[in-house]
Each structure stands twice: as structure tokens, then as C-alpha cells.
């Protein structure tokens, strides 16, 4: 068992409850950590024995391109996409941040953190 991570993934996307967020968009940052068995990759230098970072990034990029209102829902969809692509994944920790959310004052980030399987129990 080991951990695979992608940290500081950034996108400009159009998620939010307010109409202007769907028009102007915002900057989002995503950190992702997966617990998975990559012993085959360790022993045999074989990409098939681990999570392909490029494929993982493309899954996230595709989902970030679809407008949703809530970070919670977006995070859930990303977790589901990962589990579908990599069903051997034992745990996922995802942190999704929206930069300078439209809250009527200066706020650096709003964020959600989703942990699978804990948040799915």
C-alpha cells in the first residue's frame, strides 16, 4: 500500500451559486491523495501497476469543465470518476479550494475536503 498525490492542480472554471460566477469564472486549486497498492509498479517499473498521473489529471480536468453550483458536489463527482477509473483505490483525500469567493468581503479561499470512504459511510 502506498500514496499517490497530485498537489496544487489549478484551473479557471465556472462553478458557483451566483450567476456572475457562471459567467466570469474563478480560479480553483485541487489537492489529491490516493491510497493504493502500487507494489507491481515498484517491483517491475510498470505503469499498469499504479495510477497514471496523466489520466488522473485528465479526469479532473474534464470534470472541472462542467459547471456545477457547489464545491461539495464537484468533489463528489471527481471522487466517483477516480473510483470508476481506479476501483482498487482504498482511500481518497481531496481538497478543493475556490480562490477569492464572492462573499461580500475579502476571503482568500473557500474550500471543502472530502475523504473516501469516511464521508461515504
PDB file of N, CA and C in Angstrom:
ATOM      1  N   UNK A   1       0.844  -1.172   0.000  1.00  0.00           N
ATOM      2  CA  UNK A   1       0.000   0.000   0.000  1.00  0.00           C
ATOM      3  C   UNK A   1       0.890   1.236   0.000  1.00  0.00           C
ATOM      4  N   UNK A   2       0.494   2.245  -0.730  1.00  0.00           N
ATOM      5  CA  UNK A   2       1.228   3.499  -0.764  1.00  0.00           C
ATOM      6  C   UNK A   2       0.307   4.641  -1.134  1.00  0.00           C
ATOM      7  N   UNK A   3       0.878   5.829  -1.191  1.00  0.00           N
ATOM      8  CA  UNK A   3       0.114   7.028  -1.525  1.00  0.00           C
ATOM      9  C   UNK A   3       0.611   7.606  -2.839  1.00  0.00           C
ATOM     10  N   UNK A   4      -0.326   8.041  -3.658  1.00  0.00           N
ATOM     11  CA  UNK A   4      -0.055   8.763  -4.889  1.00  0.00           C
ATOM     12  C   UNK A   4      -0.749  10.104  -4.738  1.00  0.00           C
ATOM     13  N   UNK A   5      -0.053  11.187  -5.076  1.00  0.00           N
ATOM     14  CA  UNK A   5      -0.653  12.514  -4.866  1.00  0.00           C
ATOM     15  C   UNK A   5      -0.409  13.422  -6.055  1.00  0.00           C
ATOM     16  N   UNK A   6      -1.346  14.307  -6.285  1.00  0.00           N
ATOM     17  CA  UNK A   6      -1.202  15.455  -7.169  1.00  0.00           C
ATOM     18  C   UNK A   6      -1.563  16.658  -6.315  1.00  0.00           C
ATOM     19  N   UNK A   7      -0.678  17.635  -6.270  1.00  0.00           N
ATOM     20  CA  UNK A   7      -0.901  18.787  -5.398  1.00  0.00           C
ATOM     21  C   UNK A   7      -0.837  20.091  -6.187  1.00  0.00           C
ATOM     22  N   UNK A   8      -1.722  20.992  -5.827  1.00  0.00           N
ATOM     23  CA  UNK A   8      -1.707  22.322  -6.434  1.00  0.00           C
ATOM     24  C   UNK A   8      -2.176  22.351  -7.876  1.00  0.00           C
ATOM     25  N   UNK A   9      -3.089  21.482  -8.222  1.00  0.00           N
ATOM     26  CA  UNK A   9      -3.647  21.485  -9.580  1.00  0.00           C
ATOM     27  C   UNK A   9      -4.533  22.735  -9.699  1.00  0.00           C
ATOM     28  N   UNK A  10      -4.302  23.562 -10.700  1.00  0.00           N
ATOM     29  CA  UNK A  10      -5.067  24.804 -10.832  1.00  0.00           C
ATOM     30  C   UNK A  10      -5.866  24.843 -12.123  1.00  0.00           C
ATOM     31  N   UNK A  11      -7.061  25.385 -11.996  1.00  0.00           N
ATOM     32  CA  UNK A  11      -7.963  25.545 -13.132  1.00  0.00           C
ATOM     33  C   UNK A  11      -8.686  26.880 -13.021  1.00  0.00           C
ATOM     34  N   UNK A  12      -9.049  27.435 -14.152  1.00  0.00           N
ATOM     35  CA  UNK A  12     -10.042  28.509 -14.188  1.00  0.00           C
ATOM     36  C   UNK A  12     -11.326  27.803 -14.612  1.00  0.00           C
ATOM     37  N   UNK A  13     -12.361  27.917 -13.786  1.00  0.00           N
ATOM     38  CA  UNK A  13     -13.602  27.195 -14.059  1.00  0.00           C
ATOM     39  C   UNK A  13     -14.796  28.048 -13.638  1.00  0.00           C
ATOM     40  N   UNK A  14     -15.989  27.552 -13.905  1.00  0.00           N
ATOM     41  CA  UNK A  14     -17.218  28.340 -13.776  1.00  0.00           C
ATOM     42  C   UNK A  14     -18.207  27.719 -12.805  1.00  0.00           C
ATOM     43  N   UNK A  15     -17.751  27.443 -11.601  1.00  0.00           N
ATOM     44  CA  UNK A  15     -18.587  26.826 -10.585  1.00  0.00           C
ATOM     45  C   UNK A  15     -19.035  27.880  -9.580  1.00  0.00           C
ATOM     46  N   UNK A  16     -20.281  27.781  -9.151  1.00  0.00           N
ATOM     47  CA  UNK A  16     -20.774  28.677  -8.122  1.00  0.00           C
ATOM     48  C   UNK A  16     -22.276  28.827  -8.169  1.00  0.00           C
ATOM     49  N   UNK A  17     -22.798  29.349  -7.082  1.00  0.00           N
ATOM     50  CA  UNK A  17     -24.235  29.539  -6.923  1.00  0.00           C
ATOM     51  C   UNK A  17     -24.715  30.818  -7.615  1.00  0.00           C
ATOM     52  N   UNK A  18     -23.847  31.834  -7.636  1.00  0.00           N
ATOM     53  CA  UNK A  18     -24.241  33.151  -8.151  1.00  0.00           C
ATOM     54  C   UNK A  18     -24.071  33.220  -9.663  1.00  0.00           C
ATOM     55  N   UNK A  19     -25.007  33.881 -10.348  1.00  0.00           N
ATOM     56  CA  UNK A  19     -24.961  33.947 -11.823  1.00  0.00           C
ATOM     57  C   UNK A  19     -23.633  34.478 -12.372  1.00  0.00           C
ATOM     58  N   UNK A  20     -23.034  35.464 -11.705  1.00  0.00           N
ATOM     59  CA  UNK A  20     -21.774  36.023 -12.213  1.00  0.00           C
ATOM     60  C   UNK A  20     -20.630  35.001 -12.173  1.00  0.00           C
ATOM     61  N   UNK A  21     -20.700  34.040 -11.252  1.00  0.00           N
ATOM     62  CA  UNK A  21     -19.657  33.011 -11.180  1.00  0.00           C
ATOM     63  C   UNK A  21     -19.688  32.113 -12.416  1.00  0.00           C
ATOM     64  N   UNK A  22     -20.884  31.883 -12.929  1.00  0.00           N
ATOM     65  CA  UNK A  22     -21.026  31.054 -14.124  1.00  0.00           C
ATOM     66  C   UNK A  22     -20.589  31.800 -15.382  1.00  0.00           C
ATOM     67  N   UNK A  23     -20.509  33.120 -15.300  1.00  0.00           N
ATOM     68  CA  UNK A  23     -20.093  33.931 -16.449  1.00  0.00           C
ATOM     69  C   UNK A  23     -18.605  34.269 -16.383  1.00  0.00           C
ATOM     70  N   UNK A  24     -18.164  34.768 -15.228  1.00  0.00           N
ATOM     71  CA  UNK A  24     -16.780  35.219 -15.074  1.00  0.00           C
ATOM     72  C   UNK A  24     -15.823  34.091 -14.715  1.00  0.00           C
ATOM     73  N   UNK A  25     -16.317  33.127 -13.989  1.00  0.00           N
ATOM     74  CA  UNK A  25     -15.478  32.045 -13.533  1.00  0.00           C
ATOM     75  C   UNK A  25     -14.591  32.455 -12.381  1.00  0.00           C
ATOM     76  N   UNK A  26     -13.736  31.548 -11.977  1.00  0.00           N
ATOM     77  CA  UNK A  26     -12.857  31.781 -10.839  1.00  0.00           C
ATOM     78  C   UNK A  26     -11.701  30.789 -10.921  1.00  0.00           C
ATOM     79  N   UNK A  27     -10.709  31.020 -10.092  1.00  0.00           N
ATOM     80  CA  UNK A  27      -9.561  30.124 -10.005  1.00  0.00           C
ATOM     81  C   UNK A  27      -9.824  29.095  -8.908  1.00  0.00           C
ATOM     82  N   UNK A  28      -9.494  27.846  -9.190  1.00  0.00           N
ATOM     83  CA  UNK A  28      -9.674  26.742  -8.255  1.00  0.00           C
ATOM     84  C   UNK A  28      -8.361  25.984  -8.133  1.00  0.00           C
ATOM     85  N   UNK A  29      -8.099  25.489  -6.940  1.00  0.00           N
ATOM     86  CA  UNK A  29      -6.935  24.651  -6.690  1.00  0.00           C
ATOM     87  C   UNK A  29      -7.398  23.348  -6.059  1.00  0.00           C
ATOM     88  N   UNK A  30      -6.816  22.256  -6.525  1.00  0.00           N
ATOM     89  CA  UNK A  30      -7.199  20.940  -6.041  1.00  0.00           C
ATOM     90  C   UNK A  30      -5.956  20.173  -5.599  1.00  0.00           C
ATOM     91  N   UNK A  31      -6.036  19.564  -4.417  1.00  0.00           N
ATOM     92  CA  UNK A  31      -5.013  18.647  -3.913  1.00  0.00           C
ATOM     93  C   UNK A  31      -5.668  17.282  -3.773  1.00  0.00           C
ATOM     94  N   UNK A  32      -4.933  16.259  -4.180  1.00  0.00           N
ATOM     95  CA  UNK A  32      -5.498  14.923  -4.214  1.00  0.00           C
ATOM     96  C   UNK A  32      -4.468  13.917  -3.711  1.00  0.00           C
ATOM     97  N   UNK A  33      -4.935  13.012  -2.866  1.00  0.00           N
ATOM     98  CA  UNK A  33      -4.083  11.937  -2.353  1.00  0.00           C
ATOM     99  C   UNK A  33      -4.867  10.635  -2.411  1.00  0.00           C
ATOM    100  N   UNK A  34      -4.256   9.610  -3.010  1.00  0.00           N
ATOM    101  CA  UNK A  34      -4.894   8.303  -3.135  1.00  0.00           C
ATOM    102  C   UNK A  34      -4.071   7.258  -2.407  1.00  0.00           C
ATOM    103  N   UNK A  35      -4.715   6.380  -1.672  1.00  0.00           N
ATOM    104  CA  UNK A  35      -4.072   5.202  -1.107  1.00  0.00           C
ATOM    105  C   UNK A  35      -4.376   4.043  -2.045  1.00  0.00           C
ATOM    106  N   UNK A  36      -3.328   3.433  -2.536  1.00  0.00           N
ATOM    107  CA  UNK A  36      -3.498   2.348  -3.489  1.00  0.00           C
ATOM    108  C   UNK A  36      -2.328   1.378  -3.396  1.00  0.00           C
ATOM    109  N   UNK A  37      -2.490   0.226  -3.966  1.00  0.00           N
ATOM    110  CA  UNK A  37      -1.423  -0.772  -3.975  1.00  0.00           C
ATOM    111  C   UNK A  37      -0.631  -0.599  -5.266  1.00  0.00           C
ATOM    112  N   UNK A  38       0.596  -0.107  -5.157  1.00  0.00           N
ATOM    113  CA  UNK A  38       1.425   0.038  -6.349  1.00  0.00           C
ATOM    114  C   UNK A  38       2.690  -0.821  -6.286  1.00  0.00           C
ATOM    115  N   UNK A  39       2.567  -1.953  -5.615  1.00  0.00           N
ATOM    116  CA  UNK A  39       3.710  -2.867  -5.483  1.00  0.00           C
ATOM    117  C   UNK A  39       4.204  -3.339  -6.853  1.00  0.00           C
ATOM    118  N   UNK A  40       3.286  -3.624  -7.770  1.00  0.00           N
ATOM    119  CA  UNK A  40       3.663  -4.072  -9.119  1.00  0.00           C
ATOM    120  C   UNK A  40       4.525  -3.013  -9.808  1.00  0.00           C
ATOM    121  N   UNK A  41       4.153  -1.756  -9.666  1.00  0.00           N
ATOM    122  CA  UNK A  41       4.936  -0.670 -10.268  1.00  0.00           C
ATOM    123  C   UNK A  41       6.309  -0.558  -9.615  1.00  0.00           C
ATOM    124  N   UNK A  42       6.363  -0.739  -8.306  1.00  0.00           N
ATOM    125  CA  UNK A  42       7.636  -0.677  -7.580  1.00  0.00           C
ATOM    126  C   UNK A  42       8.588  -1.772  -8.042  1.00  0.00           C
ATOM    127  N   UNK A  43       8.064  -2.972  -8.189  1.00  0.00           N
ATOM    128  CA  UNK A  43       8.904  -4.127  -8.498  1.00  0.00           C
ATOM    129  C   UNK A  43       9.254  -4.260  -9.980  1.00  0.00           C
ATOM    130  N   UNK A  44       8.344  -3.825 -10.852  1.00  0.00           N
ATOM    131  CA  UNK A  44       8.511  -4.106 -12.277  1.00  0.00           C
ATOM    132  C   UNK A  44       8.598  -2.868 -13.161  1.00  0.00           C
ATOM    133  N   UNK A  45       8.599  -1.687 -12.557  1.00  0.00           N
ATOM    134  CA  UNK A  45       8.691  -0.447 -13.338  1.00  0.00           C
ATOM    135  C   UNK A  45       7.618  -0.414 -14.426  1.00  0.00           C
ATOM    136  N   UNK A  46       6.380  -0.736 -14.016  1.00  0.00           N
ATOM    137  CA  UNK A  46       5.264  -0.900 -14.940  1.00  0.00           C
ATOM    138  C   UNK A  46       4.148   0.076 -14.586  1.00  0.00           C
ATOM    139  N   UNK A  47       3.824   0.986 -15.501  1.00  0.00           N
ATOM    140  CA  UNK A  47       2.775   1.980 -15.265  1.00  0.00           C
ATOM    141  C   UNK A  47       1.421   1.319 -15.002  1.00  0.00           C
ATOM    142  N   UNK A  48       1.212   0.138 -15.547  1.00  0.00           N
ATOM    143  CA  UNK A  48      -0.039  -0.579 -15.322  1.00  0.00           C
ATOM    144  C   UNK A  48      -0.242  -1.006 -13.876  1.00  0.00           C
ATOM    145  N   UNK A  49       0.810  -0.913 -13.079  1.00  0.00           N
ATOM    146  CA  UNK A  49       0.712  -1.318 -11.681  1.00  0.00           C
ATOM    147  C   UNK A  49       0.502  -0.167 -10.727  1.00  0.00           C
ATOM    148  N   UNK A  50       0.139   0.998 -11.249  1.00  0.00           N
ATOM    149  CA  UNK A  50      -0.098   2.169 -10.400  1.00  0.00           C
ATOM    150  C   UNK A  50      -1.114   3.083 -11.062  1.00  0.00           C
ATOM    151  N   UNK A  51      -1.323   4.226 -10.466  1.00  0.00           N
ATOM    152  CA  UNK A  51      -2.231   5.234 -11.007  1.00  0.00           C
ATOM    153  C   UNK A  51      -1.451   6.076 -12.017  1.00  0.00           C
ATOM    154  N   UNK A  52      -1.990   6.226 -13.202  1.00  0.00           N
ATOM    155  CA  UNK A  52      -1.377   7.047 -14.248  1.00  0.00           C
ATOM    156  C   UNK A  52      -1.711   8.509 -13.955  1.00  0.00           C
ATOM    157  N   UNK A  53      -0.705   9.292 -13.577  1.00  0.00           N
ATOM    158  CA  UNK A  53      -0.931  10.701 -13.198  1.00  0.00           C
ATOM    159  C   UNK A  53      -1.583  11.500 -14.316  1.00  0.00           C
ATOM    160  N   UNK A  54      -1.163  11.226 -15.544  1.00  0.00           N
ATOM    161  CA  UNK A  54      -1.718  11.948 -16.687  1.00  0.00           C
ATOM    162  C   UNK A  54      -3.210  11.663 -16.850  1.00  0.00           C
ATOM    163  N   UNK A  55      -3.582  10.397 -16.736  1.00  0.00           N
ATOM    164  CA  UNK A  55      -5.006  10.028 -16.834  1.00  0.00           C
ATOM    165  C   UNK A  55      -5.794  10.637 -15.681  1.00  0.00           C
ATOM    166  N   UNK A  56      -5.219  10.619 -14.497  1.00  0.00           N
ATOM    167  CA  UNK A  56      -5.868  11.198 -13.328  1.00  0.00           C
ATOM    168  C   UNK A  56      -6.119  12.692 -13.541  1.00  0.00           C
ATOM    169  N   UNK A  57      -5.102  13.395 -14.039  1.00  0.00           N
ATOM    170  CA  UNK A  57      -5.247  14.827 -14.322  1.00  0.00           C
ATOM    171  C   UNK A  57      -6.353  15.059 -15.360  1.00  0.00           C
ATOM    172  N   UNK A  58      -6.387  14.252 -16.396  1.00  0.00           N
ATOM    173  CA  UNK A  58      -7.396  14.423 -17.448  1.00  0.00           C
ATOM    174  C   UNK A  58      -8.812  14.182 -16.916  1.00  0.00           C
ATOM    175  N   UNK A  59      -8.972  13.227 -15.995  1.00  0.00           N
ATOM    176  CA  UNK A  59     -10.283  13.002 -15.358  1.00  0.00           C
ATOM    177  C   UNK A  59     -10.743  14.258 -14.624  1.00  0.00           C
ATOM    178  N   UNK A  60      -9.819  14.839 -13.861  1.00  0.00           N
ATOM    179  CA  UNK A  60     -10.138  16.031 -13.075  1.00  0.00           C
ATOM    180  C   UNK A  60     -10.423  17.209 -14.003  1.00  0.00           C
ATOM    181  N   UNK A  61      -9.597  17.385 -15.003  1.00  0.00           N
ATOM    182  CA  UNK A  61      -9.775  18.490 -15.963  1.00  0.00           C
ATOM    183  C   UNK A  61     -11.148  18.412 -16.643  1.00  0.00           C
ATOM    184  N   UNK A  62     -11.538  17.224 -17.058  1.00  0.00           N
ATOM    185  CA  UNK A  62     -12.840  17.057 -17.708  1.00  0.00           C
ATOM    186  C   UNK A  62     -13.972  17.444 -16.766  1.00  0.00           C
ATOM    187  N   UNK A  63     -13.887  17.025 -15.519  1.00  0.00           N
ATOM    188  CA  UNK A  63     -14.943  17.327 -14.552  1.00  0.00           C
ATOM    189  C   UNK A  63     -14.954  18.813 -14.219  1.00  0.00           C
ATOM    190  N   UNK A  64     -13.789  19.436 -14.126  1.00  0.00           N
ATOM    191  CA  UNK A  64     -13.724  20.875 -13.839  1.00  0.00           C
ATOM    192  C   UNK A  64     -14.349  21.700 -14.961  1.00  0.00           C
ATOM    193  N   UNK A  65     -14.417  21.135 -16.162  1.00  0.00           N
ATOM    194  CA  UNK A  65     -15.010  21.823 -17.298  1.00  0.00           C
ATOM    195  C   UNK A  65     -16.531  21.812 -17.305  1.00  0.00           C
ATOM    196  N   UNK A  66     -17.148  21.082 -16.396  1.00  0.00           N
ATOM    197  CA  UNK A  66     -18.615  21.019 -16.304  1.00  0.00           C
ATOM    198  C   UNK A  66     -19.076  21.910 -15.161  1.00  0.00           C
ATOM    199  N   UNK A  67     -19.960  22.850 -15.451  1.00  0.00           N
ATOM    200  CA  UNK A  67     -20.433  23.789 -14.428  1.00  0.00           C
ATOM    201  C   UNK A  67     -21.309  23.100 -13.389  1.00  0.00           C
ATOM    202  N   UNK A  68     -20.986  23.338 -12.127  1.00  0.00           N
ATOM    203  CA  UNK A  68     -21.838  22.919 -11.013  1.00  0.00           C
ATOM    204  C   UNK A  68     -21.909  24.076 -10.022  1.00  0.00           C
ATOM    205  N   UNK A  69     -22.849  24.012  -9.116  1.00  0.00           N
ATOM    206  CA  UNK A  69     -23.013  25.092  -8.144  1.00  0.00           C
ATOM    207  C   UNK A  69     -22.114  24.937  -6.929  1.00  0.00           C
ATOM    208  N   UNK A  70     -22.005  23.722  -6.404  1.00  0.00           N
ATOM    209  CA  UNK A  70     -21.366  23.519  -5.102  1.00  0.00           C
ATOM    210  C   UNK A  70     -20.047  22.758  -5.193  1.00  0.00           C
ATOM    211  N   UNK A  71     -19.070  23.206  -4.421  1.00  0.00           N
ATOM    212  CA  UNK A  71     -17.788  22.506  -4.335  1.00  0.00           C
ATOM    213  C   UNK A  71     -17.987  21.085  -3.813  1.00  0.00           C
ATOM    214  N   UNK A  72     -18.907  20.910  -2.889  1.00  0.00           N
ATOM    215  CA  UNK A  72     -19.183  19.587  -2.319  1.00  0.00           C
ATOM    216  C   UNK A  72     -19.599  18.604  -3.417  1.00  0.00           C
ATOM    217  N   UNK A  73     -20.473  19.063  -4.307  1.00  0.00           N
ATOM    218  CA  UNK A  73     -20.945  18.206  -5.397  1.00  0.00           C
ATOM    219  C   UNK A  73     -19.817  17.928  -6.392  1.00  0.00           C
ATOM    220  N   UNK A  74     -19.061  18.946  -6.716  1.00  0.00           N
ATOM    221  CA  UNK A  74     -17.942  18.796  -7.636  1.00  0.00           C
ATOM    222  C   UNK A  74     -16.921  17.797  -7.096  1.00  0.00           C
ATOM    223  N   UNK A  75     -16.579  17.929  -5.827  1.00  0.00           N
ATOM    224  CA  UNK A  75     -15.646  16.996  -5.198  1.00  0.00           C
ATOM    225  C   UNK A  75     -16.157  15.569  -5.248  1.00  0.00           C
ATOM    226  N   UNK A  76     -17.443  15.399  -4.966  1.00  0.00           N
ATOM    227  CA  UNK A  76     -18.058  14.069  -5.019  1.00  0.00           C
ATOM    228  C   UNK A  76     -17.949  13.470  -6.423  1.00  0.00           C
ATOM    229  N   UNK A  77     -18.225  14.267  -7.445  1.00  0.00           N
ATOM    230  CA  UNK A  77     -18.154  13.780  -8.815  1.00  0.00           C
ATOM    231  C   UNK A  77     -16.729  13.348  -9.177  1.00  0.00           C
ATOM    232  N   UNK A  78     -15.744  14.120  -8.731  1.00  0.00           N
ATOM    233  CA  UNK A  78     -14.347  13.773  -9.002  1.00  0.00           C
ATOM    234  C   UNK A  78     -13.980  12.460  -8.310  1.00  0.00           C
ATOM    235  N   UNK A  79     -14.396  12.303  -7.065  1.00  0.00           N
ATOM    236  CA  UNK A  79     -14.139  11.050  -6.341  1.00  0.00           C
ATOM    237  C   UNK A  79     -14.770   9.877  -7.085  1.00  0.00           C
ATOM    238  N   UNK A  80     -15.991  10.032  -7.543  1.00  0.00           N
ATOM    239  CA  UNK A  80     -16.662   8.951  -8.274  1.00  0.00           C
ATOM    240  C   UNK A  80     -15.920   8.608  -9.563  1.00  0.00           C
ATOM    241  N   UNK A  81     -15.432   9.629 -10.280  1.00  0.00           N
ATOM    242  CA  UNK A  81     -14.669   9.396 -11.510  1.00  0.00           C
ATOM    243  C   UNK A  81     -13.391   8.609 -11.220  1.00  0.00           C
ATOM    244  N   UNK A  82     -12.719   8.955 -10.139  1.00  0.00           N
ATOM    245  CA  UNK A  82     -11.476   8.264  -9.770  1.00  0.00           C
ATOM    246  C   UNK A  82     -11.765   6.812  -9.425  1.00  0.00           C
ATOM    247  N   UNK A  83     -12.818   6.580  -8.641  1.00  0.00           N
ATOM    248  CA  UNK A  83     -13.164   5.204  -8.253  1.00  0.00           C
ATOM    249  C   UNK A  83     -13.562   4.366  -9.462  1.00  0.00           C
ATOM    250  N   UNK A  84     -14.194   4.984 -10.431  1.00  0.00           N
ATOM    251  CA  UNK A  84     -14.559   4.260 -11.647  1.00  0.00           C
ATOM    252  C   UNK A  84     -13.304   3.891 -12.449  1.00  0.00           C
ATOM    253  N   UNK A  85     -12.364   4.816 -12.548  1.00  0.00           N
ATOM    254  CA  UNK A  85     -11.141   4.568 -13.321  1.00  0.00           C
ATOM    255  C   UNK A  85     -10.160   3.667 -12.578  1.00  0.00           C
ATOM    256  N   UNK A  86     -10.135   3.783 -11.251  1.00  0.00           N
ATOM    257  CA  UNK A  86      -9.190   3.035 -10.418  1.00  0.00           C
ATOM    258  C   UNK A  86      -9.931   2.398  -9.241  1.00  0.00           C
ATOM    259  N   UNK A  87     -10.698   1.349  -9.500  1.00  0.00           N
ATOM    260  CA  UNK A  87     -11.509   0.731  -8.440  1.00  0.00           C
ATOM    261  C   UNK A  87     -10.687   0.123  -7.312  1.00  0.00           C
ATOM    262  N   UNK A  88      -9.401  -0.107  -7.531  1.00  0.00           N
ATOM    263  CA  UNK A  88      -8.546  -0.657  -6.479  1.00  0.00           C
ATOM    264  C   UNK A  88      -8.136   0.400  -5.447  1.00  0.00           C
ATOM    265  N   UNK A  89      -8.518   1.650  -5.662  1.00  0.00           N
ATOM    266  CA  UNK A  89      -8.195   2.725  -4.727  1.00  0.00           C
ATOM    267  C   UNK A  89      -8.888   2.467  -3.388  1.00  0.00           C
ATOM    268  N   UNK A  90      -8.115   2.513  -2.318  1.00  0.00           N
ATOM    269  CA  UNK A  90      -8.647   2.226  -0.980  1.00  0.00           C
ATOM    270  C   UNK A  90      -9.113   3.482  -0.261  1.00  0.00           C
ATOM    271  N   UNK A  91      -8.390   4.583  -0.450  1.00  0.00           N
ATOM    272  CA  UNK A  91      -8.756   5.845   0.196  1.00  0.00           C
ATOM    273  C   UNK A  91      -8.469   6.995  -0.748  1.00  0.00           C
ATOM    274  N   UNK A  92      -9.286   8.038  -0.630  1.00  0.00           N
ATOM    275  CA  UNK A  92      -9.082   9.272  -1.387  1.00  0.00           C
ATOM    276  C   UNK A  92      -9.246  10.437  -0.430  1.00  0.00           C
ATOM    277  N   UNK A  93      -8.333  11.362  -0.499  1.00  0.00           N
ATOM    278  CA  UNK A  93      -8.458  12.629   0.227  1.00  0.00           C
ATOM    279  C   UNK A  93      -8.348  13.736  -0.815  1.00  0.00           C
ATOM    280  N   UNK A  94      -9.418  14.501  -0.948  1.00  0.00           N
ATOM    281  CA  UNK A  94      -9.491  15.553  -1.951  1.00  0.00           C
ATOM    282  C   UNK A  94      -9.779  16.876  -1.257  1.00  0.00           C
ATOM    283  N   UNK A  95      -8.996  17.886  -1.548  1.00  0.00           N
ATOM    284  CA  UNK A  95      -9.252  19.240  -1.060  1.00  0.00           C
ATOM    285  C   UNK A  95      -9.432  20.136  -2.268  1.00  0.00           C
ATOM    286  N   UNK A  96     -10.548  20.834  -2.309  1.00  0.00           N
ATOM    287  CA  UNK A  96     -10.892  21.707  -3.427  1.00  0.00           C
ATOM    288  C   UNK A  96     -11.093  23.117  -2.901  1.00  0.00           C
ATOM    289  N   UNK A  97     -10.326  24.067  -3.439  1.00  0.00           N
ATOM    290  CA  UNK A  97     -10.379  25.456  -2.985  1.00  0.00           C
ATOM    291  C   UNK A  97     -10.842  26.377  -4.107  1.00  0.00           C
ATOM    292  N   UNK A  98     -11.697  27.309  -3.746  1.00  0.00           N
ATOM    293  CA  UNK A  98     -12.098  28.381  -4.655  1.00  0.00           C
ATOM    294  C   UNK A  98     -11.385  29.646  -4.177  1.00  0.00           C
ATOM    295  N   UNK A  99     -10.623  30.261  -5.060  1.00  0.00           N
ATOM    296  CA  UNK A  99      -9.892  31.478  -4.720  1.00  0.00           C
ATOM    297  C   UNK A  99     -10.844  32.670  -4.694  1.00  0.00           C
ATOM    298  N   UNK A 100     -10.707  33.508  -3.702  1.00  0.00           N
ATOM    299  CA  UNK A 100     -11.461  34.762  -3.574  1.00  0.00           C
ATOM    300  C   UNK A 100     -12.955  34.586  -3.890  1.00  0.00           C
ATOM    301  N   UNK A 101     -13.641  33.763  -3.094  1.00  0.00           N
ATOM    302  CA  UNK A 101     -15.063  33.527  -3.341  1.00  0.00           C
ATOM    303  C   UNK A 101     -15.881  34.805  -3.163  1.00  0.00           C
ATOM    304  N   UNK A 102     -16.966  34.856  -3.870  1.00  0.00           N
ATOM    305  CA  UNK A 102     -17.855  36.020  -3.853  1.00  0.00           C
ATOM    306  C   UNK A 102     -18.721  35.979  -2.587  1.00  0.00           C
ATOM    307  N   UNK A 103     -18.166  36.553  -1.496  1.00  0.00           N
ATOM    308  CA  UNK A 103     -18.858  36.510  -0.202  1.00  0.00           C
ATOM    309  C   UNK A 103     -19.140  37.899   0.364  1.00  0.00           C
ATOM    310  N   UNK A 104     -18.817  38.925  -0.383  1.00  0.00           N
ATOM    311  CA  UNK A 104     -19.071  40.272   0.105  1.00  0.00           C
ATOM    312  C   UNK A 104     -17.938  40.861   0.928  1.00  0.00           C
ATOM    313  N   UNK A 105     -16.798  40.184   0.953  1.00  0.00           N
ATOM    314  CA  UNK A 105     -15.627  40.652   1.685  1.00  0.00           C
ATOM    315  C   UNK A 105     -14.404  39.889   1.216  1.00  0.00           C
ATOM    316  N   UNK A 106     -13.251  40.282   1.712  1.00  0.00           N
ATOM    317  CA  UNK A 106     -12.004  39.652   1.291  1.00  0.00           C
ATOM    318  C   UNK A 106     -11.801  38.313   2.003  1.00  0.00           C
ATOM    319  N   UNK A 107     -11.799  37.242   1.219  1.00  0.00           N
ATOM    320  CA  UNK A 107     -11.565  35.885   1.707  1.00  0.00           C
ATOM    321  C   UNK A 107     -10.622  35.228   0.706  1.00  0.00           C
ATOM    322  N   UNK A 108      -9.516  34.674   1.181  1.00  0.00           N
ATOM    323  CA  UNK A 108      -8.564  34.049   0.260  1.00  0.00           C
ATOM    324  C   UNK A 108      -9.139  32.815  -0.420  1.00  0.00           C
ATOM    325  N   UNK A 109      -9.761  31.928   0.370  1.00  0.00           N
ATOM    326  CA  UNK A 109     -10.289  30.679  -0.174  1.00  0.00           C
ATOM    327  C   UNK A 109     -11.564  30.278   0.553  1.00  0.00           C
ATOM    328  N   UNK A 110     -12.426  29.610  -0.179  1.00  0.00           N
ATOM    329  CA  UNK A 110     -13.408  28.736   0.460  1.00  0.00           C
ATOM    330  C   UNK A 110     -12.969  27.335   0.023  1.00  0.00           C
ATOM    331  N   UNK A 111     -13.217  26.342   0.846  1.00  0.00           N
ATOM    332  CA  UNK A 111     -12.749  25.018   0.473  1.00  0.00           C
ATOM    333  C   UNK A 111     -13.603  23.929   1.079  1.00  0.00           C
ATOM    334  N   UNK A 112     -13.522  22.765   0.448  1.00  0.00           N
ATOM    335  CA  UNK A 112     -14.113  21.547   1.001  1.00  0.00           C
ATOM    336  C   UNK A 112     -13.052  20.462   0.957  1.00  0.00           C
ATOM    337  N   UNK A 113     -13.157  19.561   1.896  1.00  0.00           N
ATOM    338  CA  UNK A 113     -12.285  18.395   1.908  1.00  0.00           C
ATOM    339  C   UNK A 113     -13.182  17.170   1.974  1.00  0.00           C
ATOM    340  N   UNK A 114     -12.943  16.249   1.068  1.00  0.00           N
ATOM    341  CA  UNK A 114     -13.731  15.020   1.002  1.00  0.00           C
ATOM    342  C   UNK A 114     -12.779  13.853   1.185  1.00  0.00           C
ATOM    343  N   UNK A 115     -13.178  12.919   2.047  1.00  0.00           N
ATOM    344  CA  UNK A 115     -12.375  11.717   2.274  1.00  0.00           C
ATOM    345  C   UNK A 115     -13.233  10.498   1.994  1.00  0.00           C
ATOM    346  N   UNK A 116     -12.749   9.669   1.120  1.00  0.00           N
ATOM    347  CA  UNK A 116     -13.407   8.407   0.821  1.00  0.00           C
ATOM    348  C   UNK A 116     -12.584   7.315   1.493  1.00  0.00           C
ATOM    349  N   UNK A 117     -13.149   6.386   2.225  1.00  0.00           N
ATOM    350  CA  UNK A 117     -14.570   6.103   2.370  1.00  0.00           C
ATOM    351  C   UNK A 117     -15.259   6.822   3.539  1.00  0.00           C
ATOM    352  N   UNK A 118     -14.530   7.551   4.377  1.00  0.00           N
ATOM    353  CA  UNK A 118     -15.127   8.115   5.583  1.00  0.00           C
ATOM    354  C   UNK A 118     -16.381   8.943   5.310  1.00  0.00           C
ATOM    355  N   UNK A 119     -16.345   9.846   4.328  1.00  0.00           N
ATOM    356  CA  UNK A 119     -17.500  10.692   4.048  1.00  0.00           C
ATOM    357  C   UNK A 119     -18.619   9.958   3.327  1.00  0.00           C
ATOM    358  N   UNK A 120     -18.374   8.703   2.986  1.00  0.00           N
ATOM    359  CA  UNK A 120     -19.374   7.915   2.259  1.00  0.00           C
ATOM    360  C   UNK A 120     -19.977   6.819   3.122  1.00  0.00           C
ATOM    361  N   UNK A 121     -19.664   6.832   4.397  1.00  0.00           N
ATOM    362  CA  UNK A 121     -20.176   5.806   5.310  1.00  0.00           C
ATOM    363  C   UNK A 121     -21.610   6.086   5.711  1.00  0.00           C
TER     364      UNK A 121
END
